[in-house]
Amino acid sequence: MKIAFYGTKPYDRAKFEPMAKEYDFLIRFIDVPCNPETVFLAKGYDAICIFVNDHVDATMIEQLYEMKIKAILLRSAGFNHVDIKAAKDKIPVLRVPGYSPEAVAEYATGLLLSVNRCIHKAFYRTRDFNMNINGFMGTDLFHKTAGVIGTGKIGQAMIRILKGFGMDILAYDPYPNEKLPVEYVPLDELFAQSDVISLHCPLTTETKHLINKRSIEKMKDGVYLVNTSRGSLIDSEALIEGLIAGKFGGVGLDVYEEEEGIFYEDCSTNIVMDEVLARLMTFPNVLITSHMGFFTKEAMDAIALQTLENAYAVENNLPLTNKVV
């Protein structure tokens, strides 16, 4: 099988290249993202492999179908960046579910701890031997209430960690897992009672802008908000309004609505034209990182292995257990 691998970074090549040889796959590593201008690069290949900031719309699906592409391989669990309906009955879309729930949950916890206890800010202050701790006061998590939205594998890992801090857990999921030792409540109740809110749900038409002006108004003053799932779960402009009003104790974001062209890229010498992102960066109680919650050795190994296993299943007409339907 020949695979066109879009949006290649050095760490992708390091993981996929040696493993692909074991499957006897030929991978063409392409630095640019997959978009309408670059989709033609897949001609002559059997499959494409894409990541979260590549976007494949209905027109591109048709082009790939005409190129006889056999599969769209996702290096992610989320699939909102592909037009699944357009791909139906034309090209199977295969994802990597649950590659390392602990990696994302642990990172979400790191964001929470950093923004609460100002660890990232203290690092820069003490590097200059400024040992003044004024302005760094946080709050205990012990006996506070955490609201976890989404109780799939990552949400469950987050619940285990927060319980370890001695927190009381409220959860929301449209499909509750009755086996979990957690109290499920309606969203409005979770917003109203939680001291910490952590998002662990996919991006769908139902969850887009789940955090909006109305839901923010229902939250406690001083609430901490963490998002390591998808940027569009949060209405960024409503978030800015809430921050200006002093609603949040802190916000930790590993994702953003308009990541494409910014996240995963070095924009340090560019003028970033995204005024919303630039405004979010100005708040002293906001910590933003570049969609790296998944980024551990174990997770990258699992992503590479499962992606290539998905390709192997396509090539050998095996059941496509990870097909998005």
C-alpha atoms as a PDB file:
ATOM      1  CA  MET A   1       0.000   0.000   0.000  1.00  0.00           C
ATOM      2  CA  LYS A   2       1.171   3.503  -0.872  1.00  0.00           C
ATOM      3  CA  ILE A   3       0.113   6.242   1.569  1.00  0.00           C
ATOM      4  CA  ALA A   4       0.205  10.017   1.113  1.00  0.00           C
ATOM      5  CA  PHE A   5       0.968  11.335   4.600  1.00  0.00           C
ATOM      6  CA  TYR A   6      -0.070  14.979   4.952  1.00  0.00           C
ATOM      7  CA  GLY A   7       1.090  17.553   7.505  1.00  0.00           C
ATOM      8  CA  THR A   8       4.265  15.686   8.374  1.00  0.00           C
ATOM      9  CA  LYS A   9       6.282  16.761  11.400  1.00  0.00           C
ATOM     10  CA  PRO A  10       9.659  15.286  12.450  1.00  0.00           C
ATOM     11  CA  TYR A  11       8.050  13.255  15.228  1.00  0.00           C
ATOM     12  CA  ASP A  12       5.575  11.720  12.751  1.00  0.00           C
ATOM     13  CA  ARG A  13       8.345  10.515  10.482  1.00  0.00           C
ATOM     14  CA  ALA A  14      10.317   9.127  13.431  1.00  0.00           C
ATOM     15  CA  LYS A  15       7.379   6.965  14.536  1.00  0.00           C
ATOM     16  CA  PHE A  16       5.757   6.004  11.228  1.00  0.00           C
ATOM     17  CA  GLU A  17       8.748   5.429   8.955  1.00  0.00           C
ATOM     18  CA  PRO A  18      10.312   2.412  10.721  1.00  0.00           C
ATOM     19  CA  MET A  19       6.917   0.904  11.535  1.00  0.00           C
ATOM     20  CA  ALA A  20       5.704   1.232   7.931  1.00  0.00           C
ATOM     21  CA  LYS A  21       8.634  -0.902   6.756  1.00  0.00           C
ATOM     22  CA  GLU A  22       7.351  -3.747   8.924  1.00  0.00           C
ATOM     23  CA  TYR A  23       4.036  -3.595   7.036  1.00  0.00           C
ATOM     24  CA  ASP A  24       5.802  -3.183   3.685  1.00  0.00           C
ATOM     25  CA  PHE A  25       3.974   0.128   3.186  1.00  0.00           C
ATOM     26  CA  LEU A  26       5.406   2.986   1.148  1.00  0.00           C
ATOM     27  CA  ILE A  27       4.739   6.374   2.769  1.00  0.00           C
ATOM     28  CA  ARG A  28       5.255   9.682   1.040  1.00  0.00           C
ATOM     29  CA  PHE A  29       5.721  12.238   3.779  1.00  0.00           C
ATOM     30  CA  ILE A  30       4.238  15.600   2.744  1.00  0.00           C
ATOM     31  CA  ASP A  31       4.981  18.693   4.838  1.00  0.00           C
ATOM     32  CA  VAL A  32       1.928  20.707   3.761  1.00  0.00           C
ATOM     33  CA  PRO A  33      -1.598  20.155   5.133  1.00  0.00           C
ATOM     34  CA  CYS A  34      -4.327  18.440   3.151  1.00  0.00           C
ATOM     35  CA  ASN A  35      -6.625  21.043   1.610  1.00  0.00           C
ATOM     36  CA  PRO A  36      -8.216  21.833  -1.772  1.00  0.00           C
ATOM     37  CA  GLU A  37      -4.879  23.131  -3.108  1.00  0.00           C
ATOM     38  CA  THR A  38      -2.851  20.064  -2.075  1.00  0.00           C
ATOM     39  CA  VAL A  39      -5.267  17.170  -2.502  1.00  0.00           C
ATOM     40  CA  PHE A  40      -3.850  16.482  -5.991  1.00  0.00           C
ATOM     41  CA  LEU A  41      -0.639  15.247  -4.341  1.00  0.00           C
ATOM     42  CA  ALA A  42      -2.495  12.056  -3.396  1.00  0.00           C
ATOM     43  CA  LYS A  43      -2.782  10.966  -7.037  1.00  0.00           C
ATOM     44  CA  GLY A  44      -1.186   7.572  -7.563  1.00  0.00           C
ATOM     45  CA  TYR A  45      -1.516   6.578  -3.903  1.00  0.00           C
ATOM     46  CA  ASP A  46      -3.840   4.062  -2.259  1.00  0.00           C
ATOM     47  CA  ALA A  47      -4.673   6.054   0.878  1.00  0.00           C
ATOM     48  CA  ILE A  48      -4.165   9.403   2.553  1.00  0.00           C
ATOM     49  CA  CYS A  49      -3.255   9.945   6.190  1.00  0.00           C
ATOM     50  CA  ILE A  50      -4.317  13.211   7.840  1.00  0.00           C
ATOM     51  CA  PHE A  51      -4.342  14.943  11.225  1.00  0.00           C
ATOM     52  CA  VAL A  52      -6.745  17.266  13.050  1.00  0.00           C
ATOM     53  CA  ASN A  53      -5.929  20.471  11.155  1.00  0.00           C
ATOM     54  CA  ASP A  54      -6.315  18.874   7.737  1.00  0.00           C
ATOM     55  CA  HIS A  55      -9.789  19.348   6.302  1.00  0.00           C
ATOM     56  CA  VAL A  56     -11.423  17.078   3.732  1.00  0.00           C
ATOM     57  CA  ASP A  57     -14.723  18.403   2.388  1.00  0.00           C
ATOM     58  CA  ALA A  58     -17.251  16.903  -0.033  1.00  0.00           C
ATOM     59  CA  THR A  59     -15.489  18.255  -3.134  1.00  0.00           C
ATOM     60  CA  MET A  60     -12.182  16.782  -2.002  1.00  0.00           C
ATOM     61  CA  ILE A  61     -13.877  13.455  -1.247  1.00  0.00           C
ATOM     62  CA  GLU A  62     -15.074  13.364  -4.846  1.00  0.00           C
ATOM     63  CA  GLN A  63     -11.576  14.123  -6.103  1.00  0.00           C
ATOM     64  CA  LEU A  64     -10.064  11.407  -3.915  1.00  0.00           C
ATOM     65  CA  TYR A  65     -12.703   8.949  -5.074  1.00  0.00           C
ATOM     66  CA  GLU A  66     -11.853   9.684  -8.700  1.00  0.00           C
ATOM     67  CA  MET A  67      -8.166   9.096  -7.831  1.00  0.00           C
ATOM     68  CA  LYS A  68      -9.223   5.644  -6.553  1.00  0.00           C
ATOM     69  CA  ILE A  69      -8.116   6.392  -2.988  1.00  0.00           C
ATOM     70  CA  LYS A  70      -9.101   3.374  -0.888  1.00  0.00           C
ATOM     71  CA  ALA A  71      -9.039   4.927   2.583  1.00  0.00           C
ATOM     72  CA  ILE A  72      -8.763   8.142   4.590  1.00  0.00           C
ATOM     73  CA  LEU A  73      -6.636   7.309   7.606  1.00  0.00           C
ATOM     74  CA  LEU A  74      -7.019   9.647  10.582  1.00  0.00           C
ATOM     75  CA  ARG A  75      -4.182  10.051  13.069  1.00  0.00           C
ATOM     76  CA  SER A  76      -6.756  11.078  15.674  1.00  0.00           C
ATOM     77  CA  ALA A  77      -9.854   9.967  17.499  1.00  0.00           C
ATOM     78  CA  GLY A  78     -11.874  13.001  16.388  1.00  0.00           C
ATOM     79  CA  PHE A  79     -13.284  13.112  12.887  1.00  0.00           C
ATOM     80  CA  ASN A  80     -15.077  16.468  12.622  1.00  0.00           C
ATOM     81  CA  HIS A  81     -12.530  17.632  10.003  1.00  0.00           C
ATOM     82  CA  VAL A  82     -13.815  15.149   7.401  1.00  0.00           C
ATOM     83  CA  ASP A  83     -17.184  15.206   5.634  1.00  0.00           C
ATOM     84  CA  ILE A  84     -18.272  11.757   6.773  1.00  0.00           C
ATOM     85  CA  LYS A  85     -21.586  11.892   4.918  1.00  0.00           C
ATOM     86  CA  ALA A  86     -19.849  12.653   1.623  1.00  0.00           C
ATOM     87  CA  ALA A  87     -17.413   9.782   2.197  1.00  0.00           C
ATOM     88  CA  LYS A  88     -20.177   7.238   2.838  1.00  0.00           C
ATOM     89  CA  ASP A  89     -20.241   4.451   0.251  1.00  0.00           C
ATOM     90  CA  LYS A  90     -17.177   5.986  -1.444  1.00  0.00           C
ATOM     91  CA  ILE A  91     -14.130   5.978   0.818  1.00  0.00           C
ATOM     92  CA  PRO A  92     -13.893   4.475   4.312  1.00  0.00           C
ATOM     93  CA  VAL A  93     -12.690   6.873   6.995  1.00  0.00           C
ATOM     94  CA  LEU A  94     -10.783   5.133   9.777  1.00  0.00           C
ATOM     95  CA  ARG A  95      -9.843   6.742  13.076  1.00  0.00           C
ATOM     96  CA  VAL A  96      -7.658   5.923  16.083  1.00  0.00           C
ATOM     97  CA  PRO A  97      -9.950   5.680  19.110  1.00  0.00           C
ATOM     98  CA  GLY A  98      -8.536   5.698  22.627  1.00  0.00           C
ATOM     99  CA  TYR A  99      -4.832   5.820  21.740  1.00  0.00           C
ATOM    100  CA  SER A 100      -3.913   7.083  25.223  1.00  0.00           C
ATOM    101  CA  PRO A 101      -6.730   8.482  27.357  1.00  0.00           C
ATOM    102  CA  GLU A 102      -4.333   8.971  30.243  1.00  0.00           C
ATOM    103  CA  ALA A 103      -2.049  11.218  28.176  1.00  0.00           C
ATOM    104  CA  VAL A 104      -4.822  13.734  27.509  1.00  0.00           C
ATOM    105  CA  ALA A 105      -6.323  13.549  31.004  1.00  0.00           C
ATOM    106  CA  GLU A 106      -2.931  14.009  32.656  1.00  0.00           C
ATOM    107  CA  TYR A 107      -2.253  17.008  30.445  1.00  0.00           C
ATOM    108  CA  ALA A 108      -5.647  18.528  31.247  1.00  0.00           C
ATOM    109  CA  THR A 109      -4.745  18.166  34.925  1.00  0.00           C
ATOM    110  CA  GLY A 110      -1.408  19.853  34.248  1.00  0.00           C
ATOM    111  CA  LEU A 111      -3.205  22.804  32.660  1.00  0.00           C
ATOM    112  CA  LEU A 112      -5.523  23.045  35.647  1.00  0.00           C
ATOM    113  CA  LEU A 113      -2.662  22.968  38.163  1.00  0.00           C
ATOM    114  CA  SER A 114      -0.592  25.453  36.163  1.00  0.00           C
ATOM    115  CA  VAL A 115      -3.323  28.022  35.694  1.00  0.00           C
ATOM    116  CA  ASN A 116      -4.533  27.633  39.290  1.00  0.00           C
ATOM    117  CA  ARG A 117      -1.115  27.800  40.982  1.00  0.00           C
ATOM    118  CA  CYS A 118       0.556  30.055  38.363  1.00  0.00           C
ATOM    119  CA  ILE A 119       3.361  27.539  37.817  1.00  0.00           C
ATOM    120  CA  HIS A 120       4.086  28.785  34.288  1.00  0.00           C
ATOM    121  CA  LYS A 121       4.293  32.380  35.464  1.00  0.00           C
ATOM    122  CA  ALA A 122       6.450  31.507  38.491  1.00  0.00           C
ATOM    123  CA  PHE A 123       8.915  29.762  36.167  1.00  0.00           C
ATOM    124  CA  TYR A 124       9.638  32.960  34.265  1.00  0.00           C
ATOM    125  CA  ARG A 125       9.737  35.127  37.386  1.00  0.00           C
ATOM    126  CA  THR A 126      12.185  32.930  39.277  1.00  0.00           C
ATOM    127  CA  ARG A 127      14.473  32.583  36.214  1.00  0.00           C
ATOM    128  CA  ASP A 128      15.189  36.265  36.778  1.00  0.00           C
ATOM    129  CA  PHE A 129      15.720  35.540  40.502  1.00  0.00           C
ATOM    130  CA  ASN A 130      12.552  37.420  41.308  1.00  0.00           C
ATOM    131  CA  MET A 131      11.295  35.342  44.221  1.00  0.00           C
ATOM    132  CA  ASN A 132       8.283  37.530  44.970  1.00  0.00           C
ATOM    133  CA  ILE A 133       5.145  35.331  45.091  1.00  0.00           C
ATOM    134  CA  ASN A 134       2.664  38.185  45.089  1.00  0.00           C
ATOM    135  CA  GLY A 135      -0.148  37.547  42.613  1.00  0.00           C
ATOM    136  CA  PHE A 136       0.375  33.773  42.550  1.00  0.00           C
ATOM    137  CA  MET A 137      -2.223  32.741  45.131  1.00  0.00           C
ATOM    138  CA  GLY A 138      -4.286  29.740  43.998  1.00  0.00           C
ATOM    139  CA  THR A 139      -7.018  27.640  45.558  1.00  0.00           C
ATOM    140  CA  ASP A 140      -7.098  24.135  47.045  1.00  0.00           C
ATOM    141  CA  LEU A 141      -8.710  21.488  44.851  1.00  0.00           C
ATOM    142  CA  PHE A 142      -9.413  19.252  47.851  1.00  0.00           C
ATOM    143  CA  HIS A 143     -13.169  19.024  48.526  1.00  0.00           C
ATOM    144  CA  LYS A 144     -13.951  21.275  45.560  1.00  0.00           C
ATOM    145  CA  THR A 145     -16.454  20.167  42.894  1.00  0.00           C
ATOM    146  CA  ALA A 146     -15.271  19.222  39.416  1.00  0.00           C
ATOM    147  CA  GLY A 147     -17.661  19.007  36.487  1.00  0.00           C
ATOM    148  CA  VAL A 148     -16.518  16.570  33.784  1.00  0.00           C
ATOM    149  CA  ILE A 149     -18.371  16.907  30.476  1.00  0.00           C
ATOM    150  CA  GLY A 150     -17.995  13.717  28.471  1.00  0.00           C
ATOM    151  CA  THR A 151     -17.306  10.404  30.198  1.00  0.00           C
ATOM    152  CA  GLY A 152     -15.658   8.394  27.440  1.00  0.00           C
ATOM    153  CA  LYS A 153     -12.195   6.947  27.981  1.00  0.00           C
ATOM    154  CA  ILE A 154     -10.511  10.335  28.444  1.00  0.00           C
ATOM    155  CA  GLY A 155     -13.270  11.636  30.696  1.00  0.00           C
ATOM    156  CA  GLN A 156     -13.036   8.508  32.815  1.00  0.00           C
ATOM    157  CA  ALA A 157      -9.262   8.941  33.151  1.00  0.00           C
ATOM    158  CA  MET A 158      -9.848  12.555  34.213  1.00  0.00           C
ATOM    159  CA  ILE A 159     -12.379  11.467  36.818  1.00  0.00           C
ATOM    160  CA  ARG A 160      -9.871   9.015  38.317  1.00  0.00           C
ATOM    161  CA  ILE A 161      -7.243  11.751  38.591  1.00  0.00           C
ATOM    162  CA  LEU A 162      -9.572  14.348  40.108  1.00  0.00           C
ATOM    163  CA  LYS A 163     -10.892  11.842  42.620  1.00  0.00           C
ATOM    164  CA  GLY A 164      -7.277  11.396  43.669  1.00  0.00           C
ATOM    165  CA  PHE A 165      -7.233  15.083  44.611  1.00  0.00           C
ATOM    166  CA  GLY A 166     -10.226  14.465  46.869  1.00  0.00           C
ATOM    167  CA  MET A 167     -12.618  16.363  44.623  1.00  0.00           C
ATOM    168  CA  ASP A 168     -16.346  15.752  44.374  1.00  0.00           C
ATOM    169  CA  ILE A 169     -17.256  14.839  40.790  1.00  0.00           C
ATOM    170  CA  LEU A 170     -20.302  15.785  38.760  1.00  0.00           C
ATOM    171  CA  ALA A 171     -20.588  14.456  35.222  1.00  0.00           C
ATOM    172  CA  TYR A 172     -22.618  15.030  32.107  1.00  0.00           C
ATOM    173  CA  ASP A 173     -22.883  12.777  29.082  1.00  0.00           C
ATOM    174  CA  PRO A 174     -25.863  12.163  26.787  1.00  0.00           C
ATOM    175  CA  TYR A 175     -25.022   8.455  27.160  1.00  0.00           C
ATOM    176  CA  PRO A 176     -24.320   7.956  30.884  1.00  0.00           C
ATOM    177  CA  ASN A 177     -22.135   5.074  31.995  1.00  0.00           C
ATOM    178  CA  GLU A 178     -23.983   3.720  35.007  1.00  0.00           C
ATOM    179  CA  LYS A 179     -20.936   1.690  36.057  1.00  0.00           C
ATOM    180  CA  LEU A 180     -18.924   4.798  36.824  1.00  0.00           C
ATOM    181  CA  PRO A 181     -18.777   5.904  40.468  1.00  0.00           C
ATOM    182  CA  VAL A 182     -19.920   9.398  39.585  1.00  0.00           C
ATOM    183  CA  GLU A 183     -23.065  11.484  39.814  1.00  0.00           C
ATOM    184  CA  TYR A 184     -24.600  12.426  36.471  1.00  0.00           C
ATOM    185  CA  VAL A 185     -26.467  15.732  36.440  1.00  0.00           C
ATOM    186  CA  PRO A 186     -28.035  17.994  33.784  1.00  0.00           C
ATOM    187  CA  LEU A 187     -25.646  20.458  32.151  1.00  0.00           C
ATOM    188  CA  ASP A 188     -27.171  23.500  33.825  1.00  0.00           C
ATOM    189  CA  GLU A 189     -26.684  21.929  37.248  1.00  0.00           C
ATOM    190  CA  LEU A 190     -23.083  21.046  36.412  1.00  0.00           C
ATOM    191  CA  PHE A 191     -22.385  24.609  35.297  1.00  0.00           C
ATOM    192  CA  ALA A 192     -23.935  26.057  38.454  1.00  0.00           C
ATOM    193  CA  GLN A 193     -22.219  23.782  41.004  1.00  0.00           C
ATOM    194  CA  SER A 194     -18.741  23.166  39.591  1.00  0.00           C
ATOM    195  CA  ASP A 195     -15.584  24.916  40.759  1.00  0.00           C
ATOM    196  CA  VAL A 196     -13.683  23.295  37.887  1.00  0.00           C
ATOM    197  CA  ILE A 197     -15.118  22.339  34.484  1.00  0.00           C
ATOM    198  CA  SER A 198     -13.182  20.071  32.133  1.00  0.00           C
ATOM    199  CA  LEU A 199     -14.320  19.268  28.590  1.00  0.00           C
ATOM    200  CA  HIS A 200     -13.825  15.757  27.196  1.00  0.00           C
ATOM    201  CA  CYS A 201     -16.396  15.418  24.431  1.00  0.00           C
ATOM    202  CA  PRO A 202     -16.274  15.272  20.620  1.00  0.00           C
ATOM    203  CA  LEU A 203     -17.201  18.192  18.404  1.00  0.00           C
ATOM    204  CA  THR A 204     -20.624  17.667  16.840  1.00  0.00           C
ATOM    205  CA  THR A 205     -23.467  19.928  15.775  1.00  0.00           C
ATOM    206  CA  GLU A 206     -24.908  19.419  19.271  1.00  0.00           C
ATOM    207  CA  THR A 207     -21.702  20.268  21.155  1.00  0.00           C
ATOM    208  CA  LYS A 208     -20.469  23.216  19.083  1.00  0.00           C
ATOM    209  CA  HIS A 209     -20.253  26.265  21.380  1.00  0.00           C
ATOM    210  CA  LEU A 210     -21.383  24.179  24.328  1.00  0.00           C
ATOM    211  CA  ILE A 211     -19.641  26.849  26.370  1.00  0.00           C
ATOM    212  CA  ASN A 212     -21.383  30.063  25.359  1.00  0.00           C
ATOM    213  CA  LYS A 213     -22.636  33.301  26.861  1.00  0.00           C
ATOM    214  CA  ARG A 214     -25.645  31.616  28.452  1.00  0.00           C
ATOM    215  CA  SER A 215     -23.717  28.705  29.976  1.00  0.00           C
ATOM    216  CA  ILE A 216     -20.961  31.023  31.246  1.00  0.00           C
ATOM    217  CA  GLU A 217     -23.560  33.138  33.042  1.00  0.00           C
ATOM    218  CA  LYS A 218     -24.723  30.026  34.896  1.00  0.00           C
ATOM    219  CA  MET A 219     -21.226  29.220  36.188  1.00  0.00           C
ATOM    220  CA  LYS A 220     -19.829  30.143  39.575  1.00  0.00           C
ATOM    221  CA  ASP A 221     -17.698  33.242  39.846  1.00  0.00           C
ATOM    222  CA  GLY A 222     -14.060  32.170  39.934  1.00  0.00           C
ATOM    223  CA  VAL A 223     -14.653  28.901  38.040  1.00  0.00           C
ATOM    224  CA  TYR A 224     -11.731  27.163  36.302  1.00  0.00           C
ATOM    225  CA  LEU A 225     -12.320  25.973  32.726  1.00  0.00           C
ATOM    226  CA  VAL A 226     -10.105  23.440  30.915  1.00  0.00           C
ATOM    227  CA  ASN A 227     -10.476  22.318  27.309  1.00  0.00           C
ATOM    228  CA  THR A 228      -8.280  19.621  25.749  1.00  0.00           C
ATOM    229  CA  SER A 229     -10.903  18.312  23.300  1.00  0.00           C
ATOM    230  CA  ARG A 230     -11.869  20.571  20.392  1.00  0.00           C
ATOM    231  CA  GLY A 231     -11.654  24.352  20.206  1.00  0.00           C
ATOM    232  CA  SER A 232     -15.156  24.902  18.876  1.00  0.00           C
ATOM    233  CA  LEU A 233     -16.697  23.500  22.039  1.00  0.00           C
ATOM    234  CA  ILE A 234     -16.147  27.041  23.335  1.00  0.00           C
ATOM    235  CA  ASP A 235     -17.472  30.261  21.833  1.00  0.00           C
ATOM    236  CA  SER A 236     -14.217  32.212  22.049  1.00  0.00           C
ATOM    237  CA  GLU A 237     -15.819  35.650  21.955  1.00  0.00           C
ATOM    238  CA  ALA A 238     -18.208  34.704  24.777  1.00  0.00           C
ATOM    239  CA  LEU A 239     -15.193  33.416  26.710  1.00  0.00           C
ATOM    240  CA  ILE A 240     -13.454  36.756  26.276  1.00  0.00           C
ATOM    241  CA  GLU A 241     -16.547  38.566  27.560  1.00  0.00           C
ATOM    242  CA  GLY A 242     -16.578  36.285  30.612  1.00  0.00           C
ATOM    243  CA  LEU A 243     -12.881  36.893  31.255  1.00  0.00           C
ATOM    244  CA  ILE A 244     -13.340  40.660  31.036  1.00  0.00           C
ATOM    245  CA  ALA A 245     -16.228  40.404  33.499  1.00  0.00           C
ATOM    246  CA  GLY A 246     -13.983  38.498  35.940  1.00  0.00           C
ATOM    247  CA  LYS A 247     -16.035  35.303  35.745  1.00  0.00           C
ATOM    248  CA  PHE A 248     -13.085  32.904  35.585  1.00  0.00           C
ATOM    249  CA  GLY A 249     -10.438  32.075  38.129  1.00  0.00           C
ATOM    250  CA  GLY A 250      -8.437  30.619  35.275  1.00  0.00           C
ATOM    251  CA  VAL A 251      -8.750  29.061  31.835  1.00  0.00           C
ATOM    252  CA  GLY A 252      -6.508  26.358  30.367  1.00  0.00           C
ATOM    253  CA  LEU A 253      -6.841  25.765  26.631  1.00  0.00           C
ATOM    254  CA  ASP A 254      -4.947  23.208  24.566  1.00  0.00           C
ATOM    255  CA  VAL A 255      -7.280  23.765  21.613  1.00  0.00           C
ATOM    256  CA  TYR A 256      -8.778  26.746  19.802  1.00  0.00           C
ATOM    257  CA  GLU A 257     -11.567  27.323  17.286  1.00  0.00           C
ATOM    258  CA  GLU A 258      -9.321  28.563  14.472  1.00  0.00           C
ATOM    259  CA  GLU A 259      -6.183  26.453  14.893  1.00  0.00           C
ATOM    260  CA  GLU A 260      -5.452  25.876  11.214  1.00  0.00           C
ATOM    261  CA  GLY A 261      -2.312  27.627  10.026  1.00  0.00           C
ATOM    262  CA  ILE A 262      -1.270  28.564  13.582  1.00  0.00           C
ATOM    263  CA  PHE A 263      -1.161  25.516  15.845  1.00  0.00           C
ATOM    264  CA  TYR A 264       1.736  23.137  15.107  1.00  0.00           C
ATOM    265  CA  GLU A 265       3.488  25.939  13.183  1.00  0.00           C
ATOM    266  CA  ASP A 266       6.231  28.403  14.140  1.00  0.00           C
ATOM    267  CA  CYS A 267       4.536  31.790  13.825  1.00  0.00           C
ATOM    268  CA  SER A 268       6.988  33.606  16.088  1.00  0.00           C
ATOM    269  CA  THR A 269       8.233  35.884  13.304  1.00  0.00           C
ATOM    270  CA  ASN A 270       4.796  36.478  11.781  1.00  0.00           C
ATOM    271  CA  ILE A 271       2.068  38.996  12.527  1.00  0.00           C
ATOM    272  CA  VAL A 272      -0.779  36.762  13.673  1.00  0.00           C
ATOM    273  CA  MET A 273      -3.984  38.197  12.243  1.00  0.00           C
ATOM    274  CA  ASP A 274      -6.350  36.288  14.522  1.00  0.00           C
ATOM    275  CA  GLU A 275      -7.517  39.059  16.847  1.00  0.00           C
ATOM    276  CA  VAL A 276      -9.558  36.706  19.051  1.00  0.00           C
ATOM    277  CA  LEU A 277      -6.566  34.471  19.771  1.00  0.00           C
ATOM    278  CA  ALA A 278      -4.353  37.519  20.300  1.00  0.00           C
ATOM    279  CA  ARG A 279      -6.875  38.910  22.810  1.00  0.00           C
ATOM    280  CA  LEU A 280      -7.054  35.615  24.699  1.00  0.00           C
ATOM    281  CA  MET A 281      -3.263  35.661  25.009  1.00  0.00           C
ATOM    282  CA  THR A 282      -3.427  38.975  26.898  1.00  0.00           C
ATOM    283  CA  PHE A 283      -5.304  37.652  29.944  1.00  0.00           C
ATOM    284  CA  PRO A 284      -3.035  36.839  32.896  1.00  0.00           C
ATOM    285  CA  ASN A 285      -5.255  33.942  33.992  1.00  0.00           C
ATOM    286  CA  VAL A 286      -5.368  32.202  30.584  1.00  0.00           C
ATOM    287  CA  LEU A 287      -2.866  29.518  29.562  1.00  0.00           C
ATOM    288  CA  ILE A 288      -2.905  28.375  25.924  1.00  0.00           C
ATOM    289  CA  THR A 289      -0.862  25.512  24.484  1.00  0.00           C
ATOM    290  CA  SER A 290      -0.676  24.152  20.955  1.00  0.00           C
ATOM    291  CA  HIS A 291      -2.917  21.044  20.921  1.00  0.00           C
ATOM    292  CA  MET A 292      -0.307  18.795  22.520  1.00  0.00           C
ATOM    293  CA  GLY A 293      -2.339  16.975  25.157  1.00  0.00           C
ATOM    294  CA  PHE A 294      -1.917  13.705  23.256  1.00  0.00           C
ATOM    295  CA  PHE A 295       1.839  14.119  22.807  1.00  0.00           C
ATOM    296  CA  THR A 296       3.534  11.310  24.748  1.00  0.00           C
ATOM    297  CA  LYS A 297       5.760   8.448  23.573  1.00  0.00           C
ATOM    298  CA  GLU A 298       3.075   5.936  24.424  1.00  0.00           C
ATOM    299  CA  ALA A 299       0.352   7.838  22.588  1.00  0.00           C
ATOM    300  CA  MET A 300       2.458   8.373  19.458  1.00  0.00           C
ATOM    301  CA  ASP A 301       3.366   4.670  19.384  1.00  0.00           C
ATOM    302  CA  ALA A 302      -0.309   3.756  19.692  1.00  0.00           C
ATOM    303  CA  ILE A 303      -1.364   6.242  16.999  1.00  0.00           C
ATOM    304  CA  ALA A 304       1.217   4.938  14.536  1.00  0.00           C
ATOM    305  CA  LEU A 305       0.410   1.304  15.222  1.00  0.00           C
ATOM    306  CA  GLN A 306      -3.363   1.679  14.989  1.00  0.00           C
ATOM    307  CA  THR A 307      -3.184   3.865  11.880  1.00  0.00           C
ATOM    308  CA  LEU A 308      -1.089   1.273  10.081  1.00  0.00           C
ATOM    309  CA  GLU A 309      -3.303  -1.531  11.367  1.00  0.00           C
ATOM    310  CA  ASN A 310      -6.268   0.324   9.854  1.00  0.00           C
ATOM    311  CA  ALA A 311      -4.408   0.532   6.553  1.00  0.00           C
ATOM    312  CA  TYR A 312      -3.570  -3.183   6.753  1.00  0.00           C
ATOM    313  CA  ALA A 313      -7.250  -4.004   7.271  1.00  0.00           C
ATOM    314  CA  VAL A 314      -8.188  -2.029   4.159  1.00  0.00           C
ATOM    315  CA  GLU A 315      -5.472  -3.619   2.066  1.00  0.00           C
ATOM    316  CA  ASN A 316      -6.428  -7.148   3.095  1.00  0.00           C
ATOM    317  CA  ASN A 317     -10.228  -6.744   3.070  1.00  0.00           C
ATOM    318  CA  LEU A 318     -10.472  -7.341   6.823  1.00  0.00           C
ATOM    319  CA  PRO A 319     -13.285  -5.965   9.039  1.00  0.00           C
ATOM    320  CA  LEU A 320     -12.857  -2.200   9.452  1.00  0.00           C
ATOM    321  CA  THR A 321     -13.450  -2.008  13.185  1.00  0.00           C
ATOM    322  CA  ASN A 322     -12.366   1.629  13.407  1.00  0.00           C
ATOM    323  CA  LYS A 323     -14.442   2.904  10.496  1.00  0.00           C
ATOM    324  CA  VAL A 324     -16.325   6.114  11.214  1.00  0.00           C
ATOM    325  CA  VAL A 325     -20.038   5.646  10.477  1.00  0.00           C
END
